[in-house]
Amino acid sequence: MKKCLRRNPKSSLEIKFENLIKQIGLPYKFVGNGEVIVARKVPDFVHKNKKIAVEVYYRKHKEMFRNGLEVWKADRIKIFNQEGWKIIFFDETQVNENTVKSVLGN
């Protein structure tokens, strides 16, 4: 099953987010390659020591697919919470040093 969940290389937004967390020194790593699967869902990033998942996304893309952005987010929250995970979302306007630091920096 893992093989079918693997996908193409990182998106430009995932690369930008990954560079930010490395620059800031936050304990998160990219797992959007299928390294971590939570209830058949593949998060983009996870905390290295806690059950915290991070999704980065383009709003326009999510509005076009998956029944819209709010439905996608609500489904993800429900699924991850049922498995004991916290999930945090960043859209393209939030992937910047100040926002990432303020949300994940503690």
PDB file of N, CA and C in Angstrom:
ATOM      1  N   MET A   1       0.824  -1.188   0.000  1.00  0.00           N
ATOM      2  CA  MET A   1       0.000   0.000   0.000  1.00  0.00           C
ATOM      3  C   MET A   1       0.870   1.254   0.000  1.00  0.00           C
ATOM      4  N   LYS A   2       1.979   1.232   0.719  1.00  0.00           N
ATOM      5  CA  LYS A   2       2.818   2.422   0.799  1.00  0.00           C
ATOM      6  C   LYS A   2       3.245   2.907  -0.574  1.00  0.00           C
ATOM      7  N   LYS A   3       3.553   1.988  -1.466  1.00  0.00           N
ATOM      8  CA  LYS A   3       4.033   2.372  -2.785  1.00  0.00           C
ATOM      9  C   LYS A   3       3.005   3.217  -3.533  1.00  0.00           C
ATOM     10  N   CYS A   4       1.738   2.874  -3.410  1.00  0.00           N
ATOM     11  CA  CYS A   4       0.709   3.634  -4.129  1.00  0.00           C
ATOM     12  C   CYS A   4       0.489   5.019  -3.524  1.00  0.00           C
ATOM     13  N   LEU A   5       0.901   5.226  -2.280  1.00  0.00           N
ATOM     14  CA  LEU A   5       0.742   6.534  -1.652  1.00  0.00           C
ATOM     15  C   LEU A   5       1.931   7.450  -1.899  1.00  0.00           C
ATOM     16  N   ARG A   6       3.003   6.889  -2.410  1.00  0.00           N
ATOM     17  CA  ARG A   6       4.159   7.733  -2.723  1.00  0.00           C
ATOM     18  C   ARG A   6       3.809   8.616  -3.911  1.00  0.00           C
ATOM     19  N   ARG A   7       4.405   9.790  -3.947  1.00  0.00           N
ATOM     20  CA  ARG A   7       4.055  10.705  -5.026  1.00  0.00           C
ATOM     21  C   ARG A   7       5.296  11.352  -5.597  1.00  0.00           C
ATOM     22  N   ASN A   8       5.067  12.258  -6.504  1.00  0.00           N
ATOM     23  CA  ASN A   8       6.153  12.949  -7.179  1.00  0.00           C
ATOM     24  C   ASN A   8       6.963  13.781  -6.194  1.00  0.00           C
ATOM     25  N   PRO A   9       8.027  14.396  -6.678  1.00  0.00           N
ATOM     26  CA  PRO A   9       8.866  15.214  -5.789  1.00  0.00           C
ATOM     27  C   PRO A   9       8.064  16.295  -5.067  1.00  0.00           C
ATOM     28  N   LYS A  10       8.700  16.875  -4.068  1.00  0.00           N
ATOM     29  CA  LYS A  10       8.073  17.914  -3.248  1.00  0.00           C
ATOM     30  C   LYS A  10       7.592  19.080  -4.102  1.00  0.00           C
ATOM     31  N   SER A  11       6.503  19.666  -3.662  1.00  0.00           N
ATOM     32  CA  SER A  11       6.009  20.879  -4.325  1.00  0.00           C
ATOM     33  C   SER A  11       6.900  22.054  -3.927  1.00  0.00           C
ATOM     34  N   SER A  12       6.792  23.140  -4.657  1.00  0.00           N
ATOM     35  CA  SER A  12       7.588  24.329  -4.324  1.00  0.00           C
ATOM     36  C   SER A  12       7.206  24.863  -2.942  1.00  0.00           C
ATOM     37  N   LEU A  13       5.951  24.727  -2.552  1.00  0.00           N
ATOM     38  CA  LEU A  13       5.520  25.181  -1.235  1.00  0.00           C
ATOM     39  C   LEU A  13       6.103  24.292  -0.134  1.00  0.00           C
ATOM     40  N   GLU A  14       6.152  22.986  -0.376  1.00  0.00           N
ATOM     41  CA  GLU A  14       6.761  22.073   0.593  1.00  0.00           C
ATOM     42  C   GLU A  14       8.253  22.359   0.743  1.00  0.00           C
ATOM     43  N   ILE A  15       8.913  22.651  -0.351  1.00  0.00           N
ATOM     44  CA  ILE A  15      10.343  22.990  -0.302  1.00  0.00           C
ATOM     45  C   ILE A  15      10.544  24.276   0.492  1.00  0.00           C
ATOM     46  N   LYS A  16       9.719  25.270   0.241  1.00  0.00           N
ATOM     47  CA  LYS A  16       9.815  26.540   0.971  1.00  0.00           C
ATOM     48  C   LYS A  16       9.601  26.313   2.466  1.00  0.00           C
ATOM     49  N   PHE A  17       8.590  25.516   2.822  1.00  0.00           N
ATOM     50  CA  PHE A  17       8.300  25.225   4.225  1.00  0.00           C
ATOM     51  C   PHE A  17       9.455  24.454   4.860  1.00  0.00           C
ATOM     52  N   GLU A  18       9.968  23.473   4.153  1.00  0.00           N
ATOM     53  CA  GLU A  18      11.090  22.680   4.674  1.00  0.00           C
ATOM     54  C   GLU A  18      12.309  23.565   4.929  1.00  0.00           C
ATOM     55  N   ASN A  19      12.598  24.459   4.013  1.00  0.00           N
ATOM     56  CA  ASN A  19      13.721  25.381   4.203  1.00  0.00           C
ATOM     57  C   ASN A  19      13.503  26.267   5.426  1.00  0.00           C
ATOM     58  N   LEU A  20      12.277  26.721   5.630  1.00  0.00           N
ATOM     59  CA  LEU A  20      11.965  27.552   6.796  1.00  0.00           C
ATOM     60  C   LEU A  20      12.155  26.796   8.105  1.00  0.00           C
ATOM     61  N   ILE A  21      11.639  25.575   8.195  1.00  0.00           N
ATOM     62  CA  ILE A  21      11.768  24.839   9.462  1.00  0.00           C
ATOM     63  C   ILE A  21      13.226  24.501   9.756  1.00  0.00           C
ATOM     64  N   LYS A  22      14.009  24.263   8.717  1.00  0.00           N
ATOM     65  CA  LYS A  22      15.442  24.028   8.924  1.00  0.00           C
ATOM     66  C   LYS A  22      16.128  25.305   9.384  1.00  0.00           C
ATOM     67  N   GLN A  23      15.817  26.406   8.739  1.00  0.00           N
ATOM     68  CA  GLN A  23      16.416  27.705   9.073  1.00  0.00           C
ATOM     69  C   GLN A  23      16.084  28.113  10.515  1.00  0.00           C
ATOM     70  N   ILE A  24      14.839  27.903  10.908  1.00  0.00           N
ATOM     71  CA  ILE A  24      14.388  28.268  12.255  1.00  0.00           C
ATOM     72  C   ILE A  24      14.869  27.247  13.285  1.00  0.00           C
ATOM     73  N   GLY A  25      15.118  26.021  12.837  1.00  0.00           N
ATOM     74  CA  GLY A  25      15.566  24.963  13.740  1.00  0.00           C
ATOM     75  C   GLY A  25      14.427  24.244  14.437  1.00  0.00           C
ATOM     76  N   LEU A  26      13.315  24.092  13.751  1.00  0.00           N
ATOM     77  CA  LEU A  26      12.159  23.407  14.332  1.00  0.00           C
ATOM     78  C   LEU A  26      12.245  21.904  14.086  1.00  0.00           C
ATOM     79  N   PRO A  27      11.781  21.094  15.049  1.00  0.00           N
ATOM     80  CA  PRO A  27      11.919  19.632  14.957  1.00  0.00           C
ATOM     81  C   PRO A  27      10.844  18.949  14.110  1.00  0.00           C
ATOM     82  N   TYR A  28      10.719  19.368  12.871  1.00  0.00           N
ATOM     83  CA  TYR A  28       9.767  18.763  11.946  1.00  0.00           C
ATOM     84  C   TYR A  28      10.528  18.227  10.747  1.00  0.00           C
ATOM     85  N   LYS A  29       9.964  17.188  10.125  1.00  0.00           N
ATOM     86  CA  LYS A  29      10.609  16.654   8.925  1.00  0.00           C
ATOM     87  C   LYS A  29       9.571  16.320   7.867  1.00  0.00           C
ATOM     88  N   PHE A  30      10.010  16.355   6.617  1.00  0.00           N
ATOM     89  CA  PHE A  30       9.148  16.033   5.486  1.00  0.00           C
ATOM     90  C   PHE A  30       8.882  14.534   5.448  1.00  0.00           C
ATOM     91  N   VAL A  31       7.609  14.158   5.353  1.00  0.00           N
ATOM     92  CA  VAL A  31       7.223  12.747   5.244  1.00  0.00           C
ATOM     93  C   VAL A  31       6.167  12.555   4.156  1.00  0.00           C
ATOM     94  N   GLY A  32       5.992  13.564   3.320  1.00  0.00           N
ATOM     95  CA  GLY A  32       4.996  13.509   2.259  1.00  0.00           C
ATOM     96  C   GLY A  32       5.304  12.494   1.181  1.00  0.00           C
ATOM     97  N   ASN A  33       6.429  11.804   1.334  1.00  0.00           N
ATOM     98  CA  ASN A  33       6.817  10.749   0.402  1.00  0.00           C
ATOM     99  C   ASN A  33       6.227   9.399   0.798  1.00  0.00           C
ATOM    100  N   GLY A  34       5.403   9.369   1.831  1.00  0.00           N
ATOM    101  CA  GLY A  34       4.794   8.120   2.280  1.00  0.00           C
ATOM    102  C   GLY A  34       5.511   7.490   3.450  1.00  0.00           C
ATOM    103  N   GLU A  35       6.513   8.165   3.981  1.00  0.00           N
ATOM    104  CA  GLU A  35       7.270   7.634   5.120  1.00  0.00           C
ATOM    105  C   GLU A  35       6.378   7.440   6.344  1.00  0.00           C
ATOM    106  N   VAL A  36       5.419   8.332   6.542  1.00  0.00           N
ATOM    107  CA  VAL A  36       4.471   8.234   7.654  1.00  0.00           C
ATOM    108  C   VAL A  36       3.060   8.223   7.076  1.00  0.00           C
ATOM    109  N   ILE A  37       2.273   7.243   7.508  1.00  0.00           N
ATOM    110  CA  ILE A  37       0.883   7.134   7.071  1.00  0.00           C
ATOM    111  C   ILE A  37       0.002   7.092   8.313  1.00  0.00           C
ATOM    112  N   VAL A  38      -0.989   7.950   8.357  1.00  0.00           N
ATOM    113  CA  VAL A  38      -1.924   8.012   9.473  1.00  0.00           C
ATOM    114  C   VAL A  38      -3.309   7.711   8.913  1.00  0.00           C
ATOM    115  N   ALA A  39      -3.833   6.556   9.258  1.00  0.00           N
ATOM    116  CA  ALA A  39      -5.168   6.155   8.787  1.00  0.00           C
ATOM    117  C   ALA A  39      -5.309   6.347   7.275  1.00  0.00           C
ATOM    118  N   ARG A  40      -4.345   5.838   6.546  1.00  0.00           N
ATOM    119  CA  ARG A  40      -4.303   5.880   5.084  1.00  0.00           C
ATOM    120  C   ARG A  40      -4.143   7.292   4.511  1.00  0.00           C
ATOM    121  N   LYS A  41      -3.723   8.232   5.341  1.00  0.00           N
ATOM    122  CA  LYS A  41      -3.448   9.605   4.898  1.00  0.00           C
ATOM    123  C   LYS A  41      -1.963   9.887   5.090  1.00  0.00           C
ATOM    124  N   VAL A  42      -1.399  10.626   4.165  1.00  0.00           N
ATOM    125  CA  VAL A  42       0.029  10.949   4.213  1.00  0.00           C
ATOM    126  C   VAL A  42       0.180  12.443   4.495  1.00  0.00           C
ATOM    127  N   PRO A  43       0.628  12.790   5.703  1.00  0.00           N
ATOM    128  CA  PRO A  43       0.853  14.213   5.988  1.00  0.00           C
ATOM    129  C   PRO A  43       2.095  14.712   5.258  1.00  0.00           C
ATOM    130  N   ASP A  44       2.220  16.025   5.141  1.00  0.00           N
ATOM    131  CA  ASP A  44       3.400  16.598   4.497  1.00  0.00           C
ATOM    132  C   ASP A  44       4.610  16.579   5.425  1.00  0.00           C
ATOM    133  N   PHE A  45       4.394  16.973   6.675  1.00  0.00           N
ATOM    134  CA  PHE A  45       5.468  17.047   7.663  1.00  0.00           C
ATOM    135  C   PHE A  45       4.955  16.507   8.987  1.00  0.00           C
ATOM    136  N   VAL A  46       5.871  16.005   9.821  1.00  0.00           N
ATOM    137  CA  VAL A  46       5.523  15.596  11.182  1.00  0.00           C
ATOM    138  C   VAL A  46       6.598  16.087  12.140  1.00  0.00           C
ATOM    139  N   HIS A  47       6.189  16.272  13.394  1.00  0.00           N
ATOM    140  CA  HIS A  47       7.123  16.589  14.469  1.00  0.00           C
ATOM    141  C   HIS A  47       7.959  15.338  14.703  1.00  0.00           C
ATOM    142  N   LYS A  48       9.222  15.503  14.993  1.00  0.00           N
ATOM    143  CA  LYS A  48      10.119  14.355  15.154  1.00  0.00           C
ATOM    144  C   LYS A  48       9.846  13.555  16.422  1.00  0.00           C
ATOM    145  N   ASN A  49       9.231  14.172  17.440  1.00  0.00           N
ATOM    146  CA  ASN A  49       9.039  13.487  18.719  1.00  0.00           C
ATOM    147  C   ASN A  49       7.598  13.438  19.212  1.00  0.00           C
ATOM    148  N   LYS A  50       6.714  14.174  18.573  1.00  0.00           N
ATOM    149  CA  LYS A  50       5.319  14.237  19.015  1.00  0.00           C
ATOM    150  C   LYS A  50       4.395  13.899  17.851  1.00  0.00           C
ATOM    151  N   LYS A  51       3.164  13.566  18.188  1.00  0.00           N
ATOM    152  CA  LYS A  51       2.174  13.246  17.154  1.00  0.00           C
ATOM    153  C   LYS A  51       1.512  14.531  16.652  1.00  0.00           C
ATOM    154  N   ILE A  52       2.315  15.319  15.943  1.00  0.00           N
ATOM    155  CA  ILE A  52       1.836  16.560  15.339  1.00  0.00           C
ATOM    156  C   ILE A  52       2.151  16.499  13.851  1.00  0.00           C
ATOM    157  N   ALA A  53       1.124  16.621  13.042  1.00  0.00           N
ATOM    158  CA  ALA A  53       1.285  16.615  11.589  1.00  0.00           C
ATOM    159  C   ALA A  53       1.060  18.028  11.060  1.00  0.00           C
ATOM    160  N   VAL A  54       1.719  18.329   9.953  1.00  0.00           N
ATOM    161  CA  VAL A  54       1.573  19.634   9.311  1.00  0.00           C
ATOM    162  C   VAL A  54       1.230  19.415   7.843  1.00  0.00           C
ATOM    163  N   GLU A  55       0.231  20.136   7.386  1.00  0.00           N
ATOM    164  CA  GLU A  55      -0.141  20.134   5.972  1.00  0.00           C
ATOM    165  C   GLU A  55       0.099  21.532   5.417  1.00  0.00           C
ATOM    166  N   VAL A  56       0.788  21.613   4.294  1.00  0.00           N
ATOM    167  CA  VAL A  56       0.935  22.883   3.580  1.00  0.00           C
ATOM    168  C   VAL A  56       0.197  22.730   2.254  1.00  0.00           C
ATOM    169  N   TYR A  57      -0.488  23.784   1.836  1.00  0.00           N
ATOM    170  CA  TYR A  57      -1.342  23.638   0.657  1.00  0.00           C
ATOM    171  C   TYR A  57      -1.581  24.982  -0.016  1.00  0.00           C
ATOM    172  N   TYR A  58      -1.938  24.893  -1.272  1.00  0.00           N
ATOM    173  CA  TYR A  58      -2.395  26.053  -2.032  1.00  0.00           C
ATOM    174  C   TYR A  58      -3.918  26.085  -1.948  1.00  0.00           C
ATOM    175  N   ARG A  59      -4.464  27.188  -1.491  1.00  0.00           N
ATOM    176  CA  ARG A  59      -5.920  27.299  -1.315  1.00  0.00           C
ATOM    177  C   ARG A  59      -6.679  27.010  -2.600  1.00  0.00           C
ATOM    178  N   LYS A  60      -6.223  27.570  -3.692  1.00  0.00           N
ATOM    179  CA  LYS A  60      -6.931  27.397  -4.968  1.00  0.00           C
ATOM    180  C   LYS A  60      -7.020  25.916  -5.351  1.00  0.00           C
ATOM    181  N   HIS A  61      -5.944  25.186  -5.140  1.00  0.00           N
ATOM    182  CA  HIS A  61      -5.927  23.760  -5.475  1.00  0.00           C
ATOM    183  C   HIS A  61      -6.938  22.987  -4.634  1.00  0.00           C
ATOM    184  N   LYS A  62      -6.976  23.244  -3.346  1.00  0.00           N
ATOM    185  CA  LYS A  62      -7.903  22.522  -2.473  1.00  0.00           C
ATOM    186  C   LYS A  62      -9.354  22.912  -2.752  1.00  0.00           C
ATOM    187  N   GLU A  63      -9.588  24.132  -3.191  1.00  0.00           N
ATOM    188  CA  GLU A  63     -10.954  24.535  -3.530  1.00  0.00           C
ATOM    189  C   GLU A  63     -11.451  23.812  -4.780  1.00  0.00           C
ATOM    190  N   MET A  64     -10.531  23.491  -5.680  1.00  0.00           N
ATOM    191  CA  MET A  64     -10.904  22.829  -6.929  1.00  0.00           C
ATOM    192  C   MET A  64     -11.158  21.339  -6.747  1.00  0.00           C
ATOM    193  N   PHE A  65     -10.554  20.740  -5.733  1.00  0.00           N
ATOM    194  CA  PHE A  65     -10.637  19.295  -5.540  1.00  0.00           C
ATOM    195  C   PHE A  65     -11.084  18.963  -4.118  1.00  0.00           C
ATOM    196  N   ARG A  66     -11.365  17.692  -3.893  1.00  0.00           N
ATOM    197  CA  ARG A  66     -11.665  17.176  -2.558  1.00  0.00           C
ATOM    198  C   ARG A  66     -12.858  17.873  -1.887  1.00  0.00           C
ATOM    199  N   ASN A  67     -13.857  18.247  -2.624  1.00  0.00           N
ATOM    200  CA  ASN A  67     -15.072  18.878  -2.093  1.00  0.00           C
ATOM    201  C   ASN A  67     -14.827  20.223  -1.434  1.00  0.00           C
ATOM    202  N   GLY A  68     -13.740  20.863  -1.745  1.00  0.00           N
ATOM    203  CA  GLY A  68     -13.451  22.191  -1.206  1.00  0.00           C
ATOM    204  C   GLY A  68     -12.536  22.169  -0.001  1.00  0.00           C
ATOM    205  N   LEU A  69     -11.975  23.309   0.267  1.00  0.00           N
ATOM    206  CA  LEU A  69     -10.972  23.464   1.319  1.00  0.00           C
ATOM    207  C   LEU A  69     -11.495  23.113   2.704  1.00  0.00           C
ATOM    208  N   GLU A  70     -12.622  23.669   3.085  1.00  0.00           N
ATOM    209  CA  GLU A  70     -13.116  23.459   4.452  1.00  0.00           C
ATOM    210  C   GLU A  70     -13.492  22.003   4.709  1.00  0.00           C
ATOM    211  N   VAL A  71     -14.054  21.336   3.725  1.00  0.00           N
ATOM    212  CA  VAL A  71     -14.388  19.914   3.870  1.00  0.00           C
ATOM    213  C   VAL A  71     -13.108  19.098   4.003  1.00  0.00           C
ATOM    214  N   TRP A  72     -12.116  19.388   3.170  1.00  0.00           N
ATOM    215  CA  TRP A  72     -10.826  18.688   3.232  1.00  0.00           C
ATOM    216  C   TRP A  72     -10.193  18.859   4.612  1.00  0.00           C
ATOM    217  N   LYS A  73     -10.161  20.096   5.118  1.00  0.00           N
ATOM    218  CA  LYS A  73      -9.561  20.343   6.431  1.00  0.00           C
ATOM    219  C   LYS A  73     -10.335  19.628   7.540  1.00  0.00           C
ATOM    220  N   ALA A  74     -11.650  19.707   7.507  1.00  0.00           N
ATOM    221  CA  ALA A  74     -12.472  19.055   8.532  1.00  0.00           C
ATOM    222  C   ALA A  74     -12.258  17.545   8.526  1.00  0.00           C
ATOM    223  N   ASP A  75     -12.191  16.954   7.344  1.00  0.00           N
ATOM    224  CA  ASP A  75     -11.944  15.512   7.238  1.00  0.00           C
ATOM    225  C   ASP A  75     -10.582  15.148   7.808  1.00  0.00           C
ATOM    226  N   ARG A  76      -9.561  15.923   7.448  1.00  0.00           N
ATOM    227  CA  ARG A  76      -8.205  15.661   7.951  1.00  0.00           C
ATOM    228  C   ARG A  76      -8.155  15.769   9.470  1.00  0.00           C
ATOM    229  N   ILE A  77      -8.758  16.821  10.010  1.00  0.00           N
ATOM    230  CA  ILE A  77      -8.753  17.011  11.465  1.00  0.00           C
ATOM    231  C   ILE A  77      -9.404  15.813  12.146  1.00  0.00           C
ATOM    232  N   LYS A  78     -10.559  15.406  11.659  1.00  0.00           N
ATOM    233  CA  LYS A  78     -11.286  14.277  12.257  1.00  0.00           C
ATOM    234  C   LYS A  78     -10.454  12.999  12.208  1.00  0.00           C
ATOM    235  N   ILE A  79      -9.909  12.690  11.055  1.00  0.00           N
ATOM    236  CA  ILE A  79      -9.134  11.457  10.882  1.00  0.00           C
ATOM    237  C   ILE A  79      -7.888  11.458  11.758  1.00  0.00           C
ATOM    238  N   PHE A  80      -7.135  12.535  11.728  1.00  0.00           N
ATOM    239  CA  PHE A  80      -5.898  12.586  12.506  1.00  0.00           C
ATOM    240  C   PHE A  80      -6.188  12.587  14.007  1.00  0.00           C
ATOM    241  N   ASN A  81      -7.203  13.320  14.442  1.00  0.00           N
ATOM    242  CA  ASN A  81      -7.554  13.336  15.864  1.00  0.00           C
ATOM    243  C   ASN A  81      -7.970  11.957  16.357  1.00  0.00           C
ATOM    244  N   GLN A  82      -8.703  11.213  15.538  1.00  0.00           N
ATOM    245  CA  GLN A  82      -9.112   9.860  15.919  1.00  0.00           C
ATOM    246  C   GLN A  82      -7.909   8.952  16.150  1.00  0.00           C
ATOM    247  N   GLU A  83      -6.808   9.259  15.497  1.00  0.00           N
ATOM    248  CA  GLU A  83      -5.585   8.461  15.640  1.00  0.00           C
ATOM    249  C   GLU A  83      -4.635   9.051  16.686  1.00  0.00           C
ATOM    250  N   GLY A  84      -5.096  10.087  17.397  1.00  0.00           N
ATOM    251  CA  GLY A  84      -4.286  10.687  18.451  1.00  0.00           C
ATOM    252  C   GLY A  84      -3.300  11.741  17.982  1.00  0.00           C
ATOM    253  N   TRP A  85      -3.516  12.266  16.790  1.00  0.00           N
ATOM    254  CA  TRP A  85      -2.628  13.275  16.210  1.00  0.00           C
ATOM    255  C   TRP A  85      -3.271  14.647  16.248  1.00  0.00           C
ATOM    256  N   LYS A  86      -2.435  15.658  16.395  1.00  0.00           N
ATOM    257  CA  LYS A  86      -2.838  17.050  16.186  1.00  0.00           C
ATOM    258  C   LYS A  86      -2.406  17.393  14.770  1.00  0.00           C
ATOM    259  N   ILE A  87      -3.202  18.165  14.059  1.00  0.00           N
ATOM    260  CA  ILE A  87      -2.828  18.559  12.699  1.00  0.00           C
ATOM    261  C   ILE A  87      -2.906  20.078  12.573  1.00  0.00           C
ATOM    262  N   ILE A  88      -1.898  20.637  11.929  1.00  0.00           N
ATOM    263  CA  ILE A  88      -1.784  22.083  11.745  1.00  0.00           C
ATOM    264  C   ILE A  88      -1.697  22.358  10.251  1.00  0.00           C
ATOM    265  N   PHE A  89      -2.395  23.383   9.804  1.00  0.00           N
ATOM    266  CA  PHE A  89      -2.443  23.718   8.383  1.00  0.00           C
ATOM    267  C   PHE A  89      -1.780  25.061   8.111  1.00  0.00           C
ATOM    268  N   PHE A  90      -1.070  25.133   6.989  1.00  0.00           N
ATOM    269  CA  PHE A  90      -0.499  26.385   6.497  1.00  0.00           C
ATOM    270  C   PHE A  90      -0.837  26.502   5.017  1.00  0.00           C
ATOM    271  N   ASP A  91      -1.497  27.604   4.634  1.00  0.00           N
ATOM    272  CA  ASP A  91      -1.702  27.832   3.210  1.00  0.00           C
ATOM    273  C   ASP A  91      -0.533  28.653   2.674  1.00  0.00           C
ATOM    274  N   GLU A  92      -0.550  28.922   1.393  1.00  0.00           N
ATOM    275  CA  GLU A  92       0.591  29.585   0.755  1.00  0.00           C
ATOM    276  C   GLU A  92       0.878  30.970   1.327  1.00  0.00           C
ATOM    277  N   THR A  93      -0.125  31.635   1.894  1.00  0.00           N
ATOM    278  CA  THR A  93       0.110  32.964   2.470  1.00  0.00           C
ATOM    279  C   THR A  93       0.725  32.891   3.861  1.00  0.00           C
ATOM    280  N   GLN A  94       0.691  31.710   4.471  1.00  0.00           N
ATOM    281  CA  GLN A  94       1.187  31.540   5.836  1.00  0.00           C
ATOM    282  C   GLN A  94       2.574  30.914   5.901  1.00  0.00           C
ATOM    283  N   VAL A  95       3.085  30.482   4.768  1.00  0.00           N
ATOM    284  CA  VAL A  95       4.413  29.859   4.754  1.00  0.00           C
ATOM    285  C   VAL A  95       5.450  30.974   4.674  1.00  0.00           C
ATOM    286  N   ASN A  96       5.685  31.572   5.835  1.00  0.00           N
ATOM    287  CA  ASN A  96       6.698  32.615   5.990  1.00  0.00           C
ATOM    288  C   ASN A  96       7.274  32.482   7.395  1.00  0.00           C
ATOM    289  N   GLU A  97       8.432  33.049   7.599  1.00  0.00           N
ATOM    290  CA  GLU A  97       9.149  32.850   8.863  1.00  0.00           C
ATOM    291  C   GLU A  97       8.339  33.279  10.083  1.00  0.00           C
ATOM    292  N   ASN A  98       7.735  34.442  10.047  1.00  0.00           N
ATOM    293  CA  ASN A  98       6.996  34.937  11.218  1.00  0.00           C
ATOM    294  C   ASN A  98       5.829  34.034  11.593  1.00  0.00           C
ATOM    295  N   THR A  99       5.034  33.647  10.622  1.00  0.00           N
ATOM    296  CA  THR A  99       3.862  32.813  10.909  1.00  0.00           C
ATOM    297  C   THR A  99       4.274  31.421  11.365  1.00  0.00           C
ATOM    298  N   VAL A 100       5.205  30.809  10.662  1.00  0.00           N
ATOM    299  CA  VAL A 100       5.648  29.457  11.032  1.00  0.00           C
ATOM    300  C   VAL A 100       6.246  29.467  12.433  1.00  0.00           C
ATOM    301  N   LYS A 101       7.069  30.456  12.712  1.00  0.00           N
ATOM    302  CA  LYS A 101       7.686  30.575  14.041  1.00  0.00           C
ATOM    303  C   LYS A 101       6.627  30.756  15.122  1.00  0.00           C
ATOM    304  N   SER A 102       5.643  31.604  14.878  1.00  0.00           N
ATOM    305  CA  SER A 102       4.631  31.867  15.907  1.00  0.00           C
ATOM    306  C   SER A 102       3.715  30.665  16.132  1.00  0.00           C
ATOM    307  N   VAL A 103       3.437  29.901  15.099  1.00  0.00           N
ATOM    308  CA  VAL A 103       2.544  28.745  15.244  1.00  0.00           C
ATOM    309  C   VAL A 103       3.288  27.518  15.772  1.00  0.00           C
ATOM    310  N   LEU A 104       4.477  27.252  15.263  1.00  0.00           N
ATOM    311  CA  LEU A 104       5.201  26.031  15.616  1.00  0.00           C
ATOM    312  C   LEU A 104       6.366  26.246  16.574  1.00  0.00           C
ATOM    313  N   GLY A 105       6.715  27.487  16.811  1.00  0.00           N
ATOM    314  CA  GLY A 105       7.931  27.783  17.566  1.00  0.00           C
ATOM    315  C   GLY A 105       7.941  27.417  19.025  1.00  0.00           C
ATOM    316  N   ASN A 106       6.819  27.050  19.589  1.00  0.00           N
ATOM    317  CA  ASN A 106       6.783  26.709  21.018  1.00  0.00           C
ATOM    318  C   ASN A 106       6.891  25.228  21.236  1.00  0.00           C
TER     319      ASN A 106
END
